[in-house]
Amino acid sequence: MKRALLAFSIIFTLVTQPVLAQDGAEIFITSPQAGQIVQGLAVVSGSVTVLGFSSYELAFSYNDDPTGTWFLMHTSSLPVVEGELGAWDTTILTDGDYSLRLRVFLLDGSFQDETVTGLRVRNYTAIPTFTSTPTATAVVKFAVPTAQFIAPALATATPSRATPTPFPPNPAGLELPSITNALTRGAALALLLFLGIGIILRLRRS
């Protein structure tokens, strides 16, 4: 009878407890996702199924906090298979960017983390809405340029004759009358010279 009760309790425990993954750790957060806007009481969903599971906790921190401070908001000793991990009350926080961390503790004392960053808490800040309005796209048509070839005008060479430039009068040049007068005077002087010499010779002889 005792053996039957023991076997029944073991079977009941195996049936009522979630089946843990046998092929390694499955620790992830499906909601919220990185960059998502979070408001009010946000439900954190995901899975925690890992061999040697002991417990898990949810915590948040300010995005890019240099101190690395995390604020605990939920703990549990039960594994979760694609379900609710906890609730995050963002109404008590100032609007800003936050990070969410799921930490799973194992029986051997170690732990594994899954972190979602860039969560935008916007409870008291207006959320901008973007409305896309289709606008007509102007189509610009370009006329195909027509090539025009213009033959260059041929240059007509006009021969030019050089106009002779008269030489200036030569001051040393003699005109024809001057030459005639000079020759006449020379002949007369020569004749007179011969006559004078002849007269002198005759006077000596006589």
C-alpha atoms as a PDB file:
ATOM      1  CA  MET A   1       0.000   0.000   0.000  1.00  0.00           C
ATOM      2  CA  LYS A   2       2.824   2.388   0.869  1.00  0.00           C
ATOM      3  CA  ARG A   3       4.581   1.606  -2.392  1.00  0.00           C
ATOM      4  CA  ALA A   4       1.431   2.356  -4.339  1.00  0.00           C
ATOM      5  CA  LEU A   5       1.021   5.714  -2.605  1.00  0.00           C
ATOM      6  CA  LEU A   6       4.671   6.577  -3.288  1.00  0.00           C
ATOM      7  CA  ALA A   7       4.337   5.732  -6.958  1.00  0.00           C
ATOM      8  CA  PHE A   8       1.127   7.766  -7.207  1.00  0.00           C
ATOM      9  CA  SER A   9       2.759  10.826  -5.582  1.00  0.00           C
ATOM     10  CA  ILE A  10       5.684  10.622  -7.990  1.00  0.00           C
ATOM     11  CA  ILE A  11       3.380  10.395 -11.009  1.00  0.00           C
ATOM     12  CA  PHE A  12       1.217  13.243  -9.679  1.00  0.00           C
ATOM     13  CA  THR A  13       4.301  15.443  -9.197  1.00  0.00           C
ATOM     14  CA  LEU A  14       5.519  14.778 -12.731  1.00  0.00           C
ATOM     15  CA  VAL A  15       2.100  15.526 -14.205  1.00  0.00           C
ATOM     16  CA  THR A  16       1.410  18.724 -12.294  1.00  0.00           C
ATOM     17  CA  GLN A  17       4.872  20.257 -12.703  1.00  0.00           C
ATOM     18  CA  PRO A  18       5.805  21.862 -16.041  1.00  0.00           C
ATOM     19  CA  VAL A  19       8.061  19.807 -18.238  1.00  0.00           C
ATOM     20  CA  LEU A  20      11.507  21.339 -18.334  1.00  0.00           C
ATOM     21  CA  ALA A  21      13.469  21.532 -21.572  1.00  0.00           C
ATOM     22  CA  GLN A  22      15.924  18.713 -22.019  1.00  0.00           C
ATOM     23  CA  ASP A  23      18.001  20.284 -24.800  1.00  0.00           C
ATOM     24  CA  GLY A  24      19.411  23.263 -22.850  1.00  0.00           C
ATOM     25  CA  ALA A  25      18.313  26.603 -21.412  1.00  0.00           C
ATOM     26  CA  GLU A  26      15.242  28.423 -22.699  1.00  0.00           C
ATOM     27  CA  ILE A  27      15.243  31.819 -21.041  1.00  0.00           C
ATOM     28  CA  PHE A  28      13.730  34.721 -22.973  1.00  0.00           C
ATOM     29  CA  ILE A  29      11.315  37.644 -22.801  1.00  0.00           C
ATOM     30  CA  THR A  30       8.751  37.937 -25.591  1.00  0.00           C
ATOM     31  CA  SER A  31       7.064  41.105 -24.314  1.00  0.00           C
ATOM     32  CA  PRO A  32       7.845  43.953 -24.018  1.00  0.00           C
ATOM     33  CA  GLN A  33      10.462  44.191 -26.774  1.00  0.00           C
ATOM     34  CA  ALA A  34      13.395  46.551 -27.201  1.00  0.00           C
ATOM     35  CA  GLY A  35      12.355  50.061 -28.219  1.00  0.00           C
ATOM     36  CA  GLN A  36       8.695  49.521 -27.324  1.00  0.00           C
ATOM     37  CA  ILE A  37       6.623  52.188 -25.530  1.00  0.00           C
ATOM     38  CA  VAL A  38       5.432  50.949 -22.132  1.00  0.00           C
ATOM     39  CA  GLN A  39       2.540  52.427 -20.165  1.00  0.00           C
ATOM     40  CA  GLY A  40       0.592  51.598 -17.003  1.00  0.00           C
ATOM     41  CA  LEU A  41       0.756  48.063 -15.637  1.00  0.00           C
ATOM     42  CA  ALA A  42       2.795  46.199 -18.235  1.00  0.00           C
ATOM     43  CA  VAL A  43       2.672  42.400 -18.344  1.00  0.00           C
ATOM     44  CA  VAL A  44       6.071  40.768 -18.873  1.00  0.00           C
ATOM     45  CA  SER A  45       5.804  37.548 -20.888  1.00  0.00           C
ATOM     46  CA  GLY A  46       8.343  34.895 -21.778  1.00  0.00           C
ATOM     47  CA  SER A  47       9.705  31.489 -20.843  1.00  0.00           C
ATOM     48  CA  VAL A  48      11.891  30.068 -18.093  1.00  0.00           C
ATOM     49  CA  THR A  49      12.512  26.360 -18.722  1.00  0.00           C
ATOM     50  CA  VAL A  50      15.992  25.181 -17.899  1.00  0.00           C
ATOM     51  CA  LEU A  51      17.519  22.147 -16.248  1.00  0.00           C
ATOM     52  CA  GLY A  52      18.496  22.761 -12.616  1.00  0.00           C
ATOM     53  CA  PHE A  53      15.994  25.588 -12.283  1.00  0.00           C
ATOM     54  CA  SER A  54      15.689  27.103  -8.810  1.00  0.00           C
ATOM     55  CA  SER A  55      13.939  30.509  -9.167  1.00  0.00           C
ATOM     56  CA  TYR A  56      13.868  33.681 -11.218  1.00  0.00           C
ATOM     57  CA  GLU A  57      13.450  37.395 -10.676  1.00  0.00           C
ATOM     58  CA  LEU A  58      12.483  40.444 -12.721  1.00  0.00           C
ATOM     59  CA  ALA A  59      14.230  43.765 -12.235  1.00  0.00           C
ATOM     60  CA  PHE A  60      14.524  47.089 -14.068  1.00  0.00           C
ATOM     61  CA  SER A  61      17.079  49.886 -14.254  1.00  0.00           C
ATOM     62  CA  TYR A  62      17.554  53.219 -15.914  1.00  0.00           C
ATOM     63  CA  ASN A  63      18.915  52.848 -19.406  1.00  0.00           C
ATOM     64  CA  ASP A  64      22.681  53.408 -19.569  1.00  0.00           C
ATOM     65  CA  ASP A  65      22.896  53.814 -15.793  1.00  0.00           C
ATOM     66  CA  PRO A  66      26.622  54.077 -14.988  1.00  0.00           C
ATOM     67  CA  THR A  67      26.068  52.692 -11.475  1.00  0.00           C
ATOM     68  CA  GLY A  68      24.501  49.459 -12.748  1.00  0.00           C
ATOM     69  CA  THR A  69      21.732  49.585 -10.132  1.00  0.00           C
ATOM     70  CA  TRP A  70      18.765  47.201 -10.633  1.00  0.00           C
ATOM     71  CA  PHE A  71      15.432  47.465  -8.849  1.00  0.00           C
ATOM     72  CA  LEU A  72      13.682  44.189  -8.008  1.00  0.00           C
ATOM     73  CA  MET A  73       9.986  44.019  -8.893  1.00  0.00           C
ATOM     74  CA  HIS A  74       9.032  40.308  -8.993  1.00  0.00           C
ATOM     75  CA  THR A  75      10.339  36.884  -7.929  1.00  0.00           C
ATOM     76  CA  SER A  76       9.043  33.334  -8.444  1.00  0.00           C
ATOM     77  CA  SER A  77      10.155  29.750  -7.811  1.00  0.00           C
ATOM     78  CA  LEU A  78       7.987  28.257 -10.561  1.00  0.00           C
ATOM     79  CA  PRO A  79       9.152  27.789 -14.154  1.00  0.00           C
ATOM     80  CA  VAL A  80       7.098  29.420 -16.938  1.00  0.00           C
ATOM     81  CA  VAL A  81       6.496  28.109 -20.448  1.00  0.00           C
ATOM     82  CA  GLU A  82       5.511  30.936 -22.801  1.00  0.00           C
ATOM     83  CA  GLY A  83       3.425  32.703 -20.202  1.00  0.00           C
ATOM     84  CA  GLU A  84       3.312  35.606 -17.819  1.00  0.00           C
ATOM     85  CA  LEU A  85       6.522  36.192 -15.893  1.00  0.00           C
ATOM     86  CA  GLY A  86       5.275  39.130 -13.866  1.00  0.00           C
ATOM     87  CA  ALA A  87       3.751  42.630 -13.960  1.00  0.00           C
ATOM     88  CA  TRP A  88       5.651  45.907 -14.161  1.00  0.00           C
ATOM     89  CA  ASP A  89       3.900  48.952 -12.683  1.00  0.00           C
ATOM     90  CA  THR A  90       5.365  51.855 -14.670  1.00  0.00           C
ATOM     91  CA  THR A  91       3.018  54.488 -13.188  1.00  0.00           C
ATOM     92  CA  ILE A  92       5.333  54.941 -10.226  1.00  0.00           C
ATOM     93  CA  LEU A  93       8.258  55.782 -12.500  1.00  0.00           C
ATOM     94  CA  THR A  94       9.224  58.975 -14.234  1.00  0.00           C
ATOM     95  CA  ASP A  95       9.036  58.913 -17.991  1.00  0.00           C
ATOM     96  CA  GLY A  96      12.279  57.846 -19.592  1.00  0.00           C
ATOM     97  CA  ASP A  97      14.178  54.934 -21.103  1.00  0.00           C
ATOM     98  CA  TYR A  98      14.630  51.762 -19.062  1.00  0.00           C
ATOM     99  CA  SER A  99      16.060  48.263 -19.239  1.00  0.00           C
ATOM    100  CA  LEU A 100      14.358  45.066 -18.072  1.00  0.00           C
ATOM    101  CA  ARG A 101      16.251  42.017 -16.792  1.00  0.00           C
ATOM    102  CA  LEU A 102      15.158  38.405 -16.281  1.00  0.00           C
ATOM    103  CA  ARG A 103      17.599  36.546 -14.030  1.00  0.00           C
ATOM    104  CA  VAL A 104      17.242  32.773 -13.552  1.00  0.00           C
ATOM    105  CA  PHE A 105      18.966  31.110 -10.595  1.00  0.00           C
ATOM    106  CA  LEU A 106      20.070  27.465 -10.883  1.00  0.00           C
ATOM    107  CA  LEU A 107      20.509  24.787  -8.222  1.00  0.00           C
ATOM    108  CA  ASP A 108      24.276  24.880  -8.568  1.00  0.00           C
ATOM    109  CA  GLY A 109      24.344  28.542  -7.460  1.00  0.00           C
ATOM    110  CA  SER A 110      24.882  30.035 -10.913  1.00  0.00           C
ATOM    111  CA  PHE A 111      22.448  32.239 -12.805  1.00  0.00           C
ATOM    112  CA  GLN A 112      21.589  33.265 -16.364  1.00  0.00           C
ATOM    113  CA  ASP A 113      20.332  36.649 -17.563  1.00  0.00           C
ATOM    114  CA  GLU A 114      18.100  37.872 -20.377  1.00  0.00           C
ATOM    115  CA  THR A 115      17.949  41.676 -20.811  1.00  0.00           C
ATOM    116  CA  VAL A 116      15.716  43.946 -22.894  1.00  0.00           C
ATOM    117  CA  THR A 117      17.004  47.505 -23.362  1.00  0.00           C
ATOM    118  CA  GLY A 118      15.553  50.728 -24.711  1.00  0.00           C
ATOM    119  CA  LEU A 119      12.075  50.380 -23.172  1.00  0.00           C
ATOM    120  CA  ARG A 120      10.386  53.793 -23.347  1.00  0.00           C
ATOM    121  CA  VAL A 121       8.119  54.495 -20.384  1.00  0.00           C
ATOM    122  CA  ARG A 122       5.648  57.204 -21.472  1.00  0.00           C
ATOM    123  CA  ASN A 123       2.873  57.709 -18.925  1.00  0.00           C
ATOM    124  CA  TYR A 124       3.023  61.484 -18.642  1.00  0.00           C
ATOM    125  CA  THR A 125       4.590  62.468 -21.934  1.00  0.00           C
ATOM    126  CA  ALA A 126       2.629  62.975 -25.120  1.00  0.00           C
ATOM    127  CA  ILE A 127       3.425  60.298 -27.655  1.00  0.00           C
ATOM    128  CA  PRO A 128       3.938  61.752 -31.123  1.00  0.00           C
ATOM    129  CA  THR A 129       1.822  60.232 -33.842  1.00  0.00           C
ATOM    130  CA  PHE A 130       3.022  60.101 -37.382  1.00  0.00           C
ATOM    131  CA  THR A 131       0.442  60.329 -40.144  1.00  0.00           C
ATOM    132  CA  SER A 132       1.690  59.592 -43.585  1.00  0.00           C
ATOM    133  CA  THR A 133       0.009  61.737 -46.226  1.00  0.00           C
ATOM    134  CA  PRO A 134       0.599  60.655 -49.781  1.00  0.00           C
ATOM    135  CA  THR A 135       1.873  63.474 -51.911  1.00  0.00           C
ATOM    136  CA  ALA A 136       1.813  63.716 -55.648  1.00  0.00           C
ATOM    137  CA  THR A 137       5.164  63.062 -57.142  1.00  0.00           C
ATOM    138  CA  ALA A 138       6.076  65.577 -59.762  1.00  0.00           C
ATOM    139  CA  VAL A 139       7.393  63.978 -62.905  1.00  0.00           C
ATOM    140  CA  VAL A 140       9.935  66.110 -64.635  1.00  0.00           C
ATOM    141  CA  LYS A 141      10.397  65.412 -68.319  1.00  0.00           C
ATOM    142  CA  PHE A 142      13.522  66.446 -70.098  1.00  0.00           C
ATOM    143  CA  ALA A 143      13.383  67.266 -73.823  1.00  0.00           C
ATOM    144  CA  VAL A 144      15.893  65.365 -75.875  1.00  0.00           C
ATOM    145  CA  PRO A 145      18.363  67.917 -77.224  1.00  0.00           C
ATOM    146  CA  THR A 146      18.619  68.094 -81.032  1.00  0.00           C
ATOM    147  CA  ALA A 147      22.153  68.188 -82.257  1.00  0.00           C
ATOM    148  CA  GLN A 148      22.776  71.009 -84.734  1.00  0.00           C
ATOM    149  CA  PHE A 149      25.984  71.186 -86.650  1.00  0.00           C
ATOM    150  CA  ILE A 150      27.022  74.599 -87.979  1.00  0.00           C
ATOM    151  CA  ALA A 151      29.742  74.551 -90.593  1.00  0.00           C
ATOM    152  CA  PRO A 152      32.451  77.048 -89.764  1.00  0.00           C
ATOM    153  CA  ALA A 153      32.829  79.915 -92.275  1.00  0.00           C
ATOM    154  CA  LEU A 154      35.925  79.574 -94.408  1.00  0.00           C
ATOM    155  CA  ALA A 155      38.252  82.504 -94.157  1.00  0.00           C
ATOM    156  CA  THR A 156      38.896  84.137 -97.600  1.00  0.00           C
ATOM    157  CA  ALA A 157      42.468  85.204 -98.039  1.00  0.00           C
ATOM    158  CA  THR A 158      42.671  88.616 -99.806  1.00  0.00           C
ATOM    159  CA  PRO A 159      46.115  89.206-101.297  1.00  0.00           C
ATOM    160  CA  SER A 160      47.475  92.585-100.480  1.00  0.00           C
ATOM    161  CA  ARG A 161      50.141  94.329-102.495  1.00  0.00           C
ATOM    162  CA  ALA A 162      52.846  96.172-100.751  1.00  0.00           C
ATOM    163  CA  THR A 163      52.830  99.858-101.499  1.00  0.00           C
ATOM    164  CA  PRO A 164      56.379 101.044-102.344  1.00  0.00           C
ATOM    165  CA  THR A 165      57.633 103.664-100.010  1.00  0.00           C
ATOM    166  CA  PRO A 166      59.635 106.404-101.750  1.00  0.00           C
ATOM    167  CA  PHE A 167      63.194 106.802-100.525  1.00  0.00           C
ATOM    168  CA  PRO A 168      64.077 110.137 -98.996  1.00  0.00           C
ATOM    169  CA  PRO A 169      66.159 112.435-101.203  1.00  0.00           C
ATOM    170  CA  ASN A 170      69.905 111.802-100.952  1.00  0.00           C
ATOM    171  CA  PRO A 171      71.605 114.979 -99.884  1.00  0.00           C
ATOM    172  CA  ALA A 172      74.812 113.837-101.673  1.00  0.00           C
ATOM    173  CA  GLY A 173      73.056 113.238-104.973  1.00  0.00           C
ATOM    174  CA  LEU A 174      73.673 115.591-107.908  1.00  0.00           C
ATOM    175  CA  GLU A 175      71.138 116.606-110.489  1.00  0.00           C
ATOM    176  CA  LEU A 176      71.912 116.575-114.254  1.00  0.00           C
ATOM    177  CA  PRO A 177      72.294 120.383-114.665  1.00  0.00           C
ATOM    178  CA  SER A 178      74.698 120.451-111.787  1.00  0.00           C
ATOM    179  CA  ILE A 179      76.771 117.703-113.381  1.00  0.00           C
ATOM    180  CA  THR A 180      76.819 119.546-116.758  1.00  0.00           C
ATOM    181  CA  ASN A 181      77.903 122.795-115.153  1.00  0.00           C
ATOM    182  CA  ALA A 182      80.598 121.049-113.222  1.00  0.00           C
ATOM    183  CA  LEU A 183      81.988 119.360-116.323  1.00  0.00           C
ATOM    184  CA  THR A 184      81.894 122.615-118.303  1.00  0.00           C
ATOM    185  CA  ARG A 185      83.740 124.471-115.608  1.00  0.00           C
ATOM    186  CA  GLY A 186      86.308 121.742-115.374  1.00  0.00           C
ATOM    187  CA  ALA A 187      86.937 121.748-119.087  1.00  0.00           C
ATOM    188  CA  ALA A 188      87.293 125.500-119.162  1.00  0.00           C
ATOM    189  CA  LEU A 189      89.726 125.471-116.255  1.00  0.00           C
ATOM    190  CA  ALA A 190      91.773 122.766-117.921  1.00  0.00           C
ATOM    191  CA  LEU A 191      91.836 124.656-121.200  1.00  0.00           C
ATOM    192  CA  LEU A 192      92.929 127.833-119.488  1.00  0.00           C
ATOM    193  CA  LEU A 193      95.589 125.855-117.625  1.00  0.00           C
ATOM    194  CA  PHE A 194      97.038 124.435-120.856  1.00  0.00           C
ATOM    195  CA  LEU A 195      96.958 127.810-122.493  1.00  0.00           C
ATOM    196  CA  GLY A 196      98.766 129.366-119.603  1.00  0.00           C
ATOM    197  CA  ILE A 197     101.396 126.648-119.612  1.00  0.00           C
ATOM    198  CA  GLY A 198     101.865 127.085-123.400  1.00  0.00           C
ATOM    199  CA  ILE A 199     102.336 130.792-123.111  1.00  0.00           C
ATOM    200  CA  ILE A 200     104.892 130.365-120.377  1.00  0.00           C
ATOM    201  CA  LEU A 201     106.866 127.822-122.411  1.00  0.00           C
ATOM    202  CA  ARG A 202     106.943 130.098-125.485  1.00  0.00           C
ATOM    203  CA  LEU A 203     108.148 133.037-123.463  1.00  0.00           C
ATOM    204  CA  ARG A 204     111.037 130.994-122.105  1.00  0.00           C
ATOM    205  CA  ARG A 205     112.072 129.821-125.556  1.00  0.00           C
ATOM    206  CA  SER A 206     112.139 133.305-127.010  1.00  0.00           C
END
